[in-house]
Amino acid sequence: MPSDLPSDGSPFFAYGAALLTAMADRDRLVILRSLVDGEMSLNALSMLTGLGRLLCSQELATLQAAGLVHRRVGRDTAYFSCRSEKVYKVLGALDEMEQKGA
């Protein structure tokens, strides 16, 4: 085992597993990718992604619970955003892998 790898008891593995588990769904990745450009309402997000409102709402709840999406309540509408640098890094790494054909 390389010396720079965290030990099995390190929070690195638990945190990494939790982050990747929350993102390990096609619909959630579509939502996160859509929120990278800015805040959106549930209706706008549902229309943009092609996901039904119920499914979109359920996936947003999962992402919120994982701390990857923030919800702001406006006058009549809830707005969602992703401000997580960790999400941006993971999505960037996925983009890079796709471009390289990995």
PDB file of N, CA and C in Angstrom:
ATOM      1  N   MET A   1       0.854  -1.174   0.000  1.00  0.00           N
ATOM      2  CA  MET A   1       0.000   0.000   0.000  1.00  0.00           C
ATOM      3  C   MET A   1       0.898   1.234   0.000  1.00  0.00           C
ATOM      4  N   PRO A   2       0.643   2.187  -0.908  1.00  0.00           N
ATOM      5  CA  PRO A   2       1.464   3.399  -0.942  1.00  0.00           C
ATOM      6  C   PRO A   2       1.394   4.152   0.374  1.00  0.00           C
ATOM      7  N   SER A   3       2.494   4.776   0.754  1.00  0.00           N
ATOM      8  CA  SER A   3       2.554   5.464   2.046  1.00  0.00           C
ATOM      9  C   SER A   3       1.688   6.714   2.093  1.00  0.00           C
ATOM     10  N   ASP A   4       1.338   7.310   0.940  1.00  0.00           N
ATOM     11  CA  ASP A   4       0.533   8.529   0.960  1.00  0.00           C
ATOM     12  C   ASP A   4      -0.969   8.248   0.941  1.00  0.00           C
ATOM     13  N   LEU A   5      -1.357   6.977   0.920  1.00  0.00           N
ATOM     14  CA  LEU A   5      -2.764   6.607   0.950  1.00  0.00           C
ATOM     15  C   LEU A   5      -3.262   6.669   2.392  1.00  0.00           C
ATOM     16  N   PRO A   6      -4.430   7.304   2.632  1.00  0.00           N
ATOM     17  CA  PRO A   6      -4.953   7.363   4.001  1.00  0.00           C
ATOM     18  C   PRO A   6      -5.194   5.968   4.562  1.00  0.00           C
ATOM     19  N   SER A   7      -5.132   5.844   5.882  1.00  0.00           N
ATOM     20  CA  SER A   7      -5.388   4.557   6.530  1.00  0.00           C
ATOM     21  C   SER A   7      -6.861   4.187   6.377  1.00  0.00           C
ATOM     22  N   ASP A   8      -7.169   2.908   6.585  1.00  0.00           N
ATOM     23  CA  ASP A   8      -8.554   2.439   6.460  1.00  0.00           C
ATOM     24  C   ASP A   8      -9.512   3.174   7.389  1.00  0.00           C
ATOM     25  N   GLY A   9      -9.024   3.638   8.523  1.00  0.00           N
ATOM     26  CA  GLY A   9      -9.866   4.331   9.488  1.00  0.00           C
ATOM     27  C   GLY A   9     -10.033   5.820   9.195  1.00  0.00           C
ATOM     28  N   SER A  10      -9.404   6.281   8.143  1.00  0.00           N
ATOM     29  CA  SER A  10      -9.450   7.700   7.798  1.00  0.00           C
ATOM     30  C   SER A  10     -10.855   8.130   7.379  1.00  0.00           C
ATOM     31  N   PRO A  11     -11.260   9.343   7.754  1.00  0.00           N
ATOM     32  CA  PRO A  11     -12.561   9.844   7.299  1.00  0.00           C
ATOM     33  C   PRO A  11     -12.590  10.060   5.782  1.00  0.00           C
ATOM     34  N   PHE A  12     -11.428  10.055   5.143  1.00  0.00           N
ATOM     35  CA  PHE A  12     -11.334  10.218   3.694  1.00  0.00           C
ATOM     36  C   PHE A  12     -12.239   9.217   2.972  1.00  0.00           C
ATOM     37  N   PHE A  13     -12.169   7.951   3.381  1.00  0.00           N
ATOM     38  CA  PHE A  13     -12.929   6.912   2.691  1.00  0.00           C
ATOM     39  C   PHE A  13     -14.426   7.034   2.949  1.00  0.00           C
ATOM     40  N   ALA A  14     -14.811   7.302   4.184  1.00  0.00           N
ATOM     41  CA  ALA A  14     -16.231   7.454   4.512  1.00  0.00           C
ATOM     42  C   ALA A  14     -16.811   8.668   3.787  1.00  0.00           C
ATOM     43  N   TYR A  15     -16.068   9.766   3.796  1.00  0.00           N
ATOM     44  CA  TYR A  15     -16.547  10.974   3.121  1.00  0.00           C
ATOM     45  C   TYR A  15     -16.638  10.749   1.614  1.00  0.00           C
ATOM     46  N   GLY A  16     -15.591  10.171   1.048  1.00  0.00           N
ATOM     47  CA  GLY A  16     -15.580   9.916  -0.392  1.00  0.00           C
ATOM     48  C   GLY A  16     -16.709   9.000  -0.817  1.00  0.00           C
ATOM     49  N   ALA A  17     -16.953   7.965  -0.039  1.00  0.00           N
ATOM     50  CA  ALA A  17     -18.038   7.035  -0.358  1.00  0.00           C
ATOM     51  C   ALA A  17     -19.396   7.732  -0.283  1.00  0.00           C
ATOM     52  N   ALA A  18     -19.596   8.578   0.728  1.00  0.00           N
ATOM     53  CA  ALA A  18     -20.871   9.290   0.872  1.00  0.00           C
ATOM     54  C   ALA A  18     -21.084  10.265  -0.288  1.00  0.00           C
ATOM     55  N   LEU A  19     -20.044  10.993  -0.655  1.00  0.00           N
ATOM     56  CA  LEU A  19     -20.145  11.950  -1.769  1.00  0.00           C
ATOM     57  C   LEU A  19     -20.452  11.231  -3.073  1.00  0.00           C
ATOM     58  N   LEU A  20     -19.705  10.190  -3.364  1.00  0.00           N
ATOM     59  CA  LEU A  20     -19.895   9.472  -4.627  1.00  0.00           C
ATOM     60  C   LEU A  20     -21.222   8.723  -4.659  1.00  0.00           C
ATOM     61  N   THR A  21     -21.675   8.217  -3.515  1.00  0.00           N
ATOM     62  CA  THR A  21     -22.980   7.554  -3.459  1.00  0.00           C
ATOM     63  C   THR A  21     -24.092   8.545  -3.790  1.00  0.00           C
ATOM     64  N   ALA A  22     -24.017   9.748  -3.237  1.00  0.00           N
ATOM     65  CA  ALA A  22     -25.037  10.766  -3.503  1.00  0.00           C
ATOM     66  C   ALA A  22     -25.062  11.159  -4.978  1.00  0.00           C
ATOM     67  N   MET A  23     -23.902  11.123  -5.621  1.00  0.00           N
ATOM     68  CA  MET A  23     -23.809  11.534  -7.027  1.00  0.00           C
ATOM     69  C   MET A  23     -23.982  10.360  -7.991  1.00  0.00           C
ATOM     70  N   ALA A  24     -24.014   9.130  -7.478  1.00  0.00           N
ATOM     71  CA  ALA A  24     -23.985   7.937  -8.321  1.00  0.00           C
ATOM     72  C   ALA A  24     -25.357   7.576  -8.876  1.00  0.00           C
ATOM     73  N   ASP A  25     -25.930   8.494  -9.595  1.00  0.00           N
ATOM     74  CA  ASP A  25     -27.223   8.266 -10.220  1.00  0.00           C
ATOM     75  C   ASP A  25     -27.303   9.187 -11.435  1.00  0.00           C
ATOM     76  N   ARG A  26     -27.703   8.669 -12.554  1.00  0.00           N
ATOM     77  CA  ARG A  26     -27.750   9.459 -13.782  1.00  0.00           C
ATOM     78  C   ARG A  26     -28.613  10.715 -13.622  1.00  0.00           C
ATOM     79  N   ASP A  27     -29.801  10.559 -13.045  1.00  0.00           N
ATOM     80  CA  ASP A  27     -30.702  11.707 -12.891  1.00  0.00           C
ATOM     81  C   ASP A  27     -30.104  12.771 -11.974  1.00  0.00           C
ATOM     82  N   ARG A  28     -29.463  12.342 -10.898  1.00  0.00           N
ATOM     83  CA  ARG A  28     -28.842  13.315  -9.992  1.00  0.00           C
ATOM     84  C   ARG A  28     -27.675  14.028 -10.668  1.00  0.00           C
ATOM     85  N   LEU A  29     -26.925  13.311 -11.495  1.00  0.00           N
ATOM     86  CA  LEU A  29     -25.839  13.962 -12.240  1.00  0.00           C
ATOM     87  C   LEU A  29     -26.392  14.988 -13.231  1.00  0.00           C
ATOM     88  N   VAL A  30     -27.491  14.651 -13.882  1.00  0.00           N
ATOM     89  CA  VAL A  30     -28.126  15.592 -14.816  1.00  0.00           C
ATOM     90  C   VAL A  30     -28.559  16.850 -14.062  1.00  0.00           C
ATOM     91  N   ILE A  31     -29.156  16.666 -12.898  1.00  0.00           N
ATOM     92  CA  ILE A  31     -29.599  17.805 -12.087  1.00  0.00           C
ATOM     93  C   ILE A  31     -28.400  18.655 -11.661  1.00  0.00           C
ATOM     94  N   LEU A  32     -27.366  18.009 -11.146  1.00  0.00           N
ATOM     95  CA  LEU A  32     -26.184  18.752 -10.698  1.00  0.00           C
ATOM     96  C   LEU A  32     -25.550  19.519 -11.855  1.00  0.00           C
ATOM     97  N   ARG A  33     -25.441  18.871 -12.997  1.00  0.00           N
ATOM     98  CA  ARG A  33     -24.863  19.534 -14.173  1.00  0.00           C
ATOM     99  C   ARG A  33     -25.699  20.756 -14.553  1.00  0.00           C
ATOM    100  N   SER A  34     -27.011  20.644 -14.438  1.00  0.00           N
ATOM    101  CA  SER A  34     -27.903  21.760 -14.773  1.00  0.00           C
ATOM    102  C   SER A  34     -27.763  22.911 -13.782  1.00  0.00           C
ATOM    103  N   LEU A  35     -27.487  22.591 -12.522  1.00  0.00           N
ATOM    104  CA  LEU A  35     -27.391  23.625 -11.495  1.00  0.00           C
ATOM    105  C   LEU A  35     -26.018  24.306 -11.453  1.00  0.00           C
ATOM    106  N   VAL A  36     -25.059  23.765 -12.168  1.00  0.00           N
ATOM    107  CA  VAL A  36     -23.721  24.370 -12.191  1.00  0.00           C
ATOM    108  C   VAL A  36     -23.792  25.802 -12.725  1.00  0.00           C
ATOM    109  N   ASP A  37     -24.697  26.035 -13.664  1.00  0.00           N
ATOM    110  CA  ASP A  37     -24.806  27.362 -14.276  1.00  0.00           C
ATOM    111  C   ASP A  37     -25.601  28.357 -13.452  1.00  0.00           C
ATOM    112  N   GLY A  38     -26.254  27.893 -12.405  1.00  0.00           N
ATOM    113  CA  GLY A  38     -26.983  28.827 -11.550  1.00  0.00           C
ATOM    114  C   GLY A  38     -28.245  28.231 -10.965  1.00  0.00           C
ATOM    115  N   GLU A  39     -28.885  29.039 -10.170  1.00  0.00           N
ATOM    116  CA  GLU A  39     -30.089  28.673  -9.434  1.00  0.00           C
ATOM    117  C   GLU A  39     -31.257  28.440 -10.392  1.00  0.00           C
ATOM    118  N   MET A  40     -32.082  27.436 -10.063  1.00  0.00           N
ATOM    119  CA  MET A  40     -33.258  27.133 -10.874  1.00  0.00           C
ATOM    120  C   MET A  40     -34.421  26.697  -9.998  1.00  0.00           C
ATOM    121  N   SER A  41     -35.619  26.957 -10.471  1.00  0.00           N
ATOM    122  CA  SER A  41     -36.819  26.467  -9.785  1.00  0.00           C
ATOM    123  C   SER A  41     -37.029  24.999 -10.152  1.00  0.00           C
ATOM    124  N   LEU A  42     -37.872  24.323  -9.398  1.00  0.00           N
ATOM    125  CA  LEU A  42     -38.193  22.931  -9.674  1.00  0.00           C
ATOM    126  C   LEU A  42     -38.801  22.795 -11.064  1.00  0.00           C
ATOM    127  N   ASN A  43     -39.735  23.688 -11.409  1.00  0.00           N
ATOM    128  CA  ASN A  43     -40.378  23.612 -12.728  1.00  0.00           C
ATOM    129  C   ASN A  43     -39.361  23.783 -13.853  1.00  0.00           C
ATOM    130  N   ALA A  44     -38.492  24.780 -13.737  1.00  0.00           N
ATOM    131  CA  ALA A  44     -37.492  25.023 -14.778  1.00  0.00           C
ATOM    132  C   ALA A  44     -36.523  23.850 -14.877  1.00  0.00           C
ATOM    133  N   LEU A  45     -36.124  23.330 -13.734  1.00  0.00           N
ATOM    134  CA  LEU A  45     -35.197  22.201 -13.707  1.00  0.00           C
ATOM    135  C   LEU A  45     -35.839  20.958 -14.328  1.00  0.00           C
ATOM    136  N   SER A  46     -37.097  20.728 -14.011  1.00  0.00           N
ATOM    137  CA  SER A  46     -37.824  19.590 -14.559  1.00  0.00           C
ATOM    138  C   SER A  46     -37.935  19.708 -16.083  1.00  0.00           C
ATOM    139  N   MET A  47     -38.247  20.895 -16.561  1.00  0.00           N
ATOM    140  CA  MET A  47     -38.363  21.106 -18.006  1.00  0.00           C
ATOM    141  C   MET A  47     -37.012  20.954 -18.704  1.00  0.00           C
ATOM    142  N   LEU A  48     -35.968  21.522 -18.127  1.00  0.00           N
ATOM    143  CA  LEU A  48     -34.643  21.474 -18.739  1.00  0.00           C
ATOM    144  C   LEU A  48     -34.093  20.049 -18.803  1.00  0.00           C
ATOM    145  N   THR A  49     -34.279  19.296 -17.733  1.00  0.00           N
ATOM    146  CA  THR A  49     -33.700  17.956 -17.650  1.00  0.00           C
ATOM    147  C   THR A  49     -34.579  16.883 -18.289  1.00  0.00           C
ATOM    148  N   GLY A  50     -35.873  17.193 -18.462  1.00  0.00           N
ATOM    149  CA  GLY A  50     -36.789  16.200 -18.998  1.00  0.00           C
ATOM    150  C   GLY A  50     -37.267  15.210 -17.945  1.00  0.00           C
ATOM    151  N   LEU A  51     -36.906  15.466 -16.697  1.00  0.00           N
ATOM    152  CA  LEU A  51     -37.354  14.607 -15.592  1.00  0.00           C
ATOM    153  C   LEU A  51     -38.707  15.111 -15.099  1.00  0.00           C
ATOM    154  N   GLY A  52     -39.584  14.217 -14.727  1.00  0.00           N
ATOM    155  CA  GLY A  52     -40.863  14.624 -14.164  1.00  0.00           C
ATOM    156  C   GLY A  52     -40.653  15.388 -12.863  1.00  0.00           C
ATOM    157  N   ARG A  53     -41.630  16.198 -12.504  1.00  0.00           N
ATOM    158  CA  ARG A  53     -41.504  17.015 -11.289  1.00  0.00           C
ATOM    159  C   ARG A  53     -41.317  16.168 -10.039  1.00  0.00           C
ATOM    160  N   LEU A  54     -42.051  15.055  -9.939  1.00  0.00           N
ATOM    161  CA  LEU A  54     -41.945  14.210  -8.751  1.00  0.00           C
ATOM    162  C   LEU A  54     -40.549  13.595  -8.647  1.00  0.00           C
ATOM    163  N   LEU A  55     -40.061  13.032  -9.737  1.00  0.00           N
ATOM    164  CA  LEU A  55     -38.728  12.431  -9.731  1.00  0.00           C
ATOM    165  C   LEU A  55     -37.666  13.490  -9.453  1.00  0.00           C
ATOM    166  N   CYS A  56     -37.809  14.628 -10.099  1.00  0.00           N
ATOM    167  CA  CYS A  56     -36.856  15.727  -9.896  1.00  0.00           C
ATOM    168  C   CYS A  56     -36.848  16.148  -8.422  1.00  0.00           C
ATOM    169  N   SER A  57     -38.018  16.266  -7.845  1.00  0.00           N
ATOM    170  CA  SER A  57     -38.134  16.653  -6.440  1.00  0.00           C
ATOM    171  C   SER A  57     -37.487  15.614  -5.514  1.00  0.00           C
ATOM    172  N   GLN A  58     -37.696  14.349  -5.805  1.00  0.00           N
ATOM    173  CA  GLN A  58     -37.108  13.279  -4.990  1.00  0.00           C
ATOM    174  C   GLN A  58     -35.577  13.306  -5.082  1.00  0.00           C
ATOM    175  N   GLU A  59     -35.066  13.487  -6.287  1.00  0.00           N
ATOM    176  CA  GLU A  59     -33.612  13.515  -6.462  1.00  0.00           C
ATOM    177  C   GLU A  59     -33.012  14.764  -5.804  1.00  0.00           C
ATOM    178  N   LEU A  60     -33.697  15.881  -5.885  1.00  0.00           N
ATOM    179  CA  LEU A  60     -33.234  17.095  -5.212  1.00  0.00           C
ATOM    180  C   LEU A  60     -33.190  16.891  -3.700  1.00  0.00           C
ATOM    181  N   ALA A  61     -34.171  16.177  -3.155  1.00  0.00           N
ATOM    182  CA  ALA A  61     -34.184  15.902  -1.713  1.00  0.00           C
ATOM    183  C   ALA A  61     -32.969  15.058  -1.321  1.00  0.00           C
ATOM    184  N   THR A  62     -32.616  14.094  -2.145  1.00  0.00           N
ATOM    185  CA  THR A  62     -31.428  13.271  -1.883  1.00  0.00           C
ATOM    186  C   THR A  62     -30.170  14.123  -1.913  1.00  0.00           C
ATOM    187  N   LEU A  63     -30.075  14.987  -2.907  1.00  0.00           N
ATOM    188  CA  LEU A  63     -28.904  15.862  -3.036  1.00  0.00           C
ATOM    189  C   LEU A  63     -28.835  16.877  -1.901  1.00  0.00           C
ATOM    190  N   GLN A  64     -29.980  17.365  -1.469  1.00  0.00           N
ATOM    191  CA  GLN A  64     -30.021  18.281  -0.318  1.00  0.00           C
ATOM    192  C   GLN A  64     -29.552  17.578   0.946  1.00  0.00           C
ATOM    193  N   ALA A  65     -30.049  16.371   1.166  1.00  0.00           N
ATOM    194  CA  ALA A  65     -29.678  15.612   2.365  1.00  0.00           C
ATOM    195  C   ALA A  65     -28.174  15.362   2.410  1.00  0.00           C
ATOM    196  N   ALA A  66     -27.565  15.233   1.240  1.00  0.00           N
ATOM    197  CA  ALA A  66     -26.119  15.019   1.168  1.00  0.00           C
ATOM    198  C   ALA A  66     -25.333  16.327   1.246  1.00  0.00           C
ATOM    199  N   GLY A  67     -26.051  17.444   1.296  1.00  0.00           N
ATOM    200  CA  GLY A  67     -25.397  18.744   1.384  1.00  0.00           C
ATOM    201  C   GLY A  67     -24.824  19.242   0.074  1.00  0.00           C
ATOM    202  N   LEU A  68     -25.292  18.692  -1.044  1.00  0.00           N
ATOM    203  CA  LEU A  68     -24.755  19.077  -2.352  1.00  0.00           C
ATOM    204  C   LEU A  68     -25.594  20.125  -3.062  1.00  0.00           C
ATOM    205  N   VAL A  69     -26.834  20.277  -2.618  1.00  0.00           N
ATOM    206  CA  VAL A  69     -27.750  21.246  -3.220  1.00  0.00           C
ATOM    207  C   VAL A  69     -28.357  22.088  -2.115  1.00  0.00           C
ATOM    208  N   HIS A  70     -28.497  23.366  -2.404  1.00  0.00           N
ATOM    209  CA  HIS A  70     -29.094  24.312  -1.461  1.00  0.00           C
ATOM    210  C   HIS A  70     -30.479  24.697  -1.974  1.00  0.00           C
ATOM    211  N   ARG A  71     -31.439  24.818  -1.055  1.00  0.00           N
ATOM    212  CA  ARG A  71     -32.807  25.217  -1.398  1.00  0.00           C
ATOM    213  C   ARG A  71     -33.089  26.577  -0.795  1.00  0.00           C
ATOM    214  N   ARG A  72     -33.595  27.466  -1.638  1.00  0.00           N
ATOM    215  CA  ARG A  72     -33.999  28.798  -1.188  1.00  0.00           C
ATOM    216  C   ARG A  72     -35.461  28.971  -1.549  1.00  0.00           C
ATOM    217  N   VAL A  73     -36.251  29.390  -0.569  1.00  0.00           N
ATOM    218  CA  VAL A  73     -37.678  29.578  -0.817  1.00  0.00           C
ATOM    219  C   VAL A  73     -37.932  31.041  -1.143  1.00  0.00           C
ATOM    220  N   GLY A  74     -38.475  31.251  -2.327  1.00  0.00           N
ATOM    221  CA  GLY A  74     -38.866  32.598  -2.745  1.00  0.00           C
ATOM    222  C   GLY A  74     -40.294  32.842  -2.317  1.00  0.00           C
ATOM    223  N   ARG A  75     -40.906  33.792  -2.921  1.00  0.00           N
ATOM    224  CA  ARG A  75     -42.285  34.133  -2.570  1.00  0.00           C
ATOM    225  C   ARG A  75     -43.245  32.962  -2.786  1.00  0.00           C
ATOM    226  N   ASP A  76     -43.262  32.434  -4.000  1.00  0.00           N
ATOM    227  CA  ASP A  76     -44.162  31.329  -4.329  1.00  0.00           C
ATOM    228  C   ASP A  76     -43.423  30.075  -4.790  1.00  0.00           C
ATOM    229  N   THR A  77     -42.118  30.164  -4.901  1.00  0.00           N
ATOM    230  CA  THR A  77     -41.355  29.103  -5.546  1.00  0.00           C
ATOM    231  C   THR A  77     -40.093  28.775  -4.756  1.00  0.00           C
ATOM    232  N   ALA A  78     -39.725  27.517  -4.788  1.00  0.00           N
ATOM    233  CA  ALA A  78     -38.439  27.093  -4.213  1.00  0.00           C
ATOM    234  C   ALA A  78     -37.408  27.086  -5.331  1.00  0.00           C
ATOM    235  N   TYR A  79     -36.230  27.566  -5.023  1.00  0.00           N
ATOM    236  CA  TYR A  79     -35.129  27.609  -5.979  1.00  0.00           C
ATOM    237  C   TYR A  79     -33.990  26.746  -5.454  1.00  0.00           C
ATOM    238  N   PHE A  80     -33.323  26.090  -6.363  1.00  0.00           N
ATOM    239  CA  PHE A  80     -32.239  25.182  -6.004  1.00  0.00           C
ATOM    240  C   PHE A  80     -30.954  25.622  -6.664  1.00  0.00           C
ATOM    241  N   SER A  81     -29.855  25.414  -5.939  1.00  0.00           N
ATOM    242  CA  SER A  81     -28.545  25.761  -6.485  1.00  0.00           C
ATOM    243  C   SER A  81     -27.511  24.772  -5.955  1.00  0.00           C
ATOM    244  N   CYS A  82     -26.407  24.720  -6.664  1.00  0.00           N
ATOM    245  CA  CYS A  82     -25.284  23.888  -6.240  1.00  0.00           C
ATOM    246  C   CYS A  82     -24.081  24.806  -6.115  1.00  0.00           C
ATOM    247  N   ARG A  83     -23.579  24.932  -4.918  1.00  0.00           N
ATOM    248  CA  ARG A  83     -22.415  25.788  -4.679  1.00  0.00           C
ATOM    249  C   ARG A  83     -21.230  24.981  -4.170  1.00  0.00           C
ATOM    250  N   SER A  84     -21.310  23.686  -4.336  1.00  0.00           N
ATOM    251  CA  SER A  84     -20.289  22.799  -3.793  1.00  0.00           C
ATOM    252  C   SER A  84     -19.087  22.690  -4.722  1.00  0.00           C
ATOM    253  N   GLU A  85     -17.967  23.155  -4.245  1.00  0.00           N
ATOM    254  CA  GLU A  85     -16.723  23.047  -5.018  1.00  0.00           C
ATOM    255  C   GLU A  85     -16.399  21.576  -5.277  1.00  0.00           C
ATOM    256  N   LYS A  86     -16.768  20.712  -4.348  1.00  0.00           N
ATOM    257  CA  LYS A  86     -16.516  19.274  -4.515  1.00  0.00           C
ATOM    258  C   LYS A  86     -17.290  18.735  -5.715  1.00  0.00           C
ATOM    259  N   VAL A  87     -18.536  19.156  -5.876  1.00  0.00           N
ATOM    260  CA  VAL A  87     -19.341  18.724  -7.017  1.00  0.00           C
ATOM    261  C   VAL A  87     -18.703  19.226  -8.306  1.00  0.00           C
ATOM    262  N   TYR A  88     -18.273  20.489  -8.311  1.00  0.00           N
ATOM    263  CA  TYR A  88     -17.642  21.045  -9.518  1.00  0.00           C
ATOM    264  C   TYR A  88     -16.401  20.238  -9.898  1.00  0.00           C
ATOM    265  N   LYS A  89     -15.629  19.839  -8.902  1.00  0.00           N
ATOM    266  CA  LYS A  89     -14.412  19.070  -9.173  1.00  0.00           C
ATOM    267  C   LYS A  89     -14.735  17.692  -9.728  1.00  0.00           C
ATOM    268  N   VAL A  90     -15.726  17.023  -9.143  1.00  0.00           N
ATOM    269  CA  VAL A  90     -16.103  15.692  -9.633  1.00  0.00           C
ATOM    270  C   VAL A  90     -16.654  15.789 -11.054  1.00  0.00           C
ATOM    271  N   LEU A  91     -17.526  16.758 -11.308  1.00  0.00           N
ATOM    272  CA  LEU A  91     -18.063  16.922 -12.657  1.00  0.00           C
ATOM    273  C   LEU A  91     -16.959  17.263 -13.652  1.00  0.00           C
ATOM    274  N   GLY A  92     -15.996  18.082 -13.233  1.00  0.00           N
ATOM    275  CA  GLY A  92     -14.860  18.411 -14.081  1.00  0.00           C
ATOM    276  C   GLY A  92     -14.027  17.184 -14.404  1.00  0.00           C
ATOM    277  N   ALA A  93     -13.818  16.337 -13.405  1.00  0.00           N
ATOM    278  CA  ALA A  93     -13.058  15.106 -13.627  1.00  0.00           C
ATOM    279  C   ALA A  93     -13.804  14.181 -14.586  1.00  0.00           C
ATOM    280  N   LEU A  94     -15.125  14.108 -14.454  1.00  0.00           N
ATOM    281  CA  LEU A  94     -15.917  13.290 -15.370  1.00  0.00           C
ATOM    282  C   LEU A  94     -15.831  13.832 -16.796  1.00  0.00           C
ATOM    283  N   ASP A  95     -15.895  15.154 -16.930  1.00  0.00           N
ATOM    284  CA  ASP A  95     -15.754  15.777 -18.255  1.00  0.00           C
ATOM    285  C   ASP A  95     -14.402  15.421 -18.873  1.00  0.00           C
ATOM    286  N   GLU A  96     -13.363  15.528 -18.073  1.00  0.00           N
ATOM    287  CA  GLU A  96     -12.028  15.238 -18.548  1.00  0.00           C
ATOM    288  C   GLU A  96     -11.894  13.772 -18.987  1.00  0.00           C
ATOM    289  N   MET A  97     -12.459  12.867 -18.198  1.00  0.00           N
ATOM    290  CA  MET A  97     -12.406  11.442 -18.551  1.00  0.00           C
ATOM    291  C   MET A  97     -13.172  11.174 -19.850  1.00  0.00           C
ATOM    292  N   GLU A  98     -14.319  11.836 -19.995  1.00  0.00           N
ATOM    293  CA  GLU A  98     -15.123  11.641 -21.205  1.00  0.00           C
ATOM    294  C   GLU A  98     -14.369  12.159 -22.427  1.00  0.00           C
ATOM    295  N   GLN A  99     -13.729  13.295 -22.305  1.00  0.00           N
ATOM    296  CA  GLN A  99     -12.978  13.872 -23.423  1.00  0.00           C
ATOM    297  C   GLN A  99     -11.794  13.007 -23.823  1.00  0.00           C
ATOM    298  N   LYS A 100     -11.196  12.342 -22.839  1.00  0.00           N
ATOM    299  CA  LYS A 100     -10.047  11.483 -23.117  1.00  0.00           C
ATOM    300  C   LYS A 100     -10.464  10.086 -23.526  1.00  0.00           C
ATOM    301  N   GLY A 101     -11.767   9.809 -23.453  1.00  0.00           N
ATOM    302  CA  GLY A 101     -12.254   8.492 -23.811  1.00  0.00           C
ATOM    303  C   GLY A 101     -11.958   7.428 -22.788  1.00  0.00           C
ATOM    304  N   ALA A 102     -11.785   7.857 -21.537  1.00  0.00           N
ATOM    305  CA  ALA A 102     -11.459   6.906 -20.467  1.00  0.00           C
ATOM    306  C   ALA A 102     -12.675   6.133 -20.031  1.00  0.00           C
TER     307      ALA A 102
END
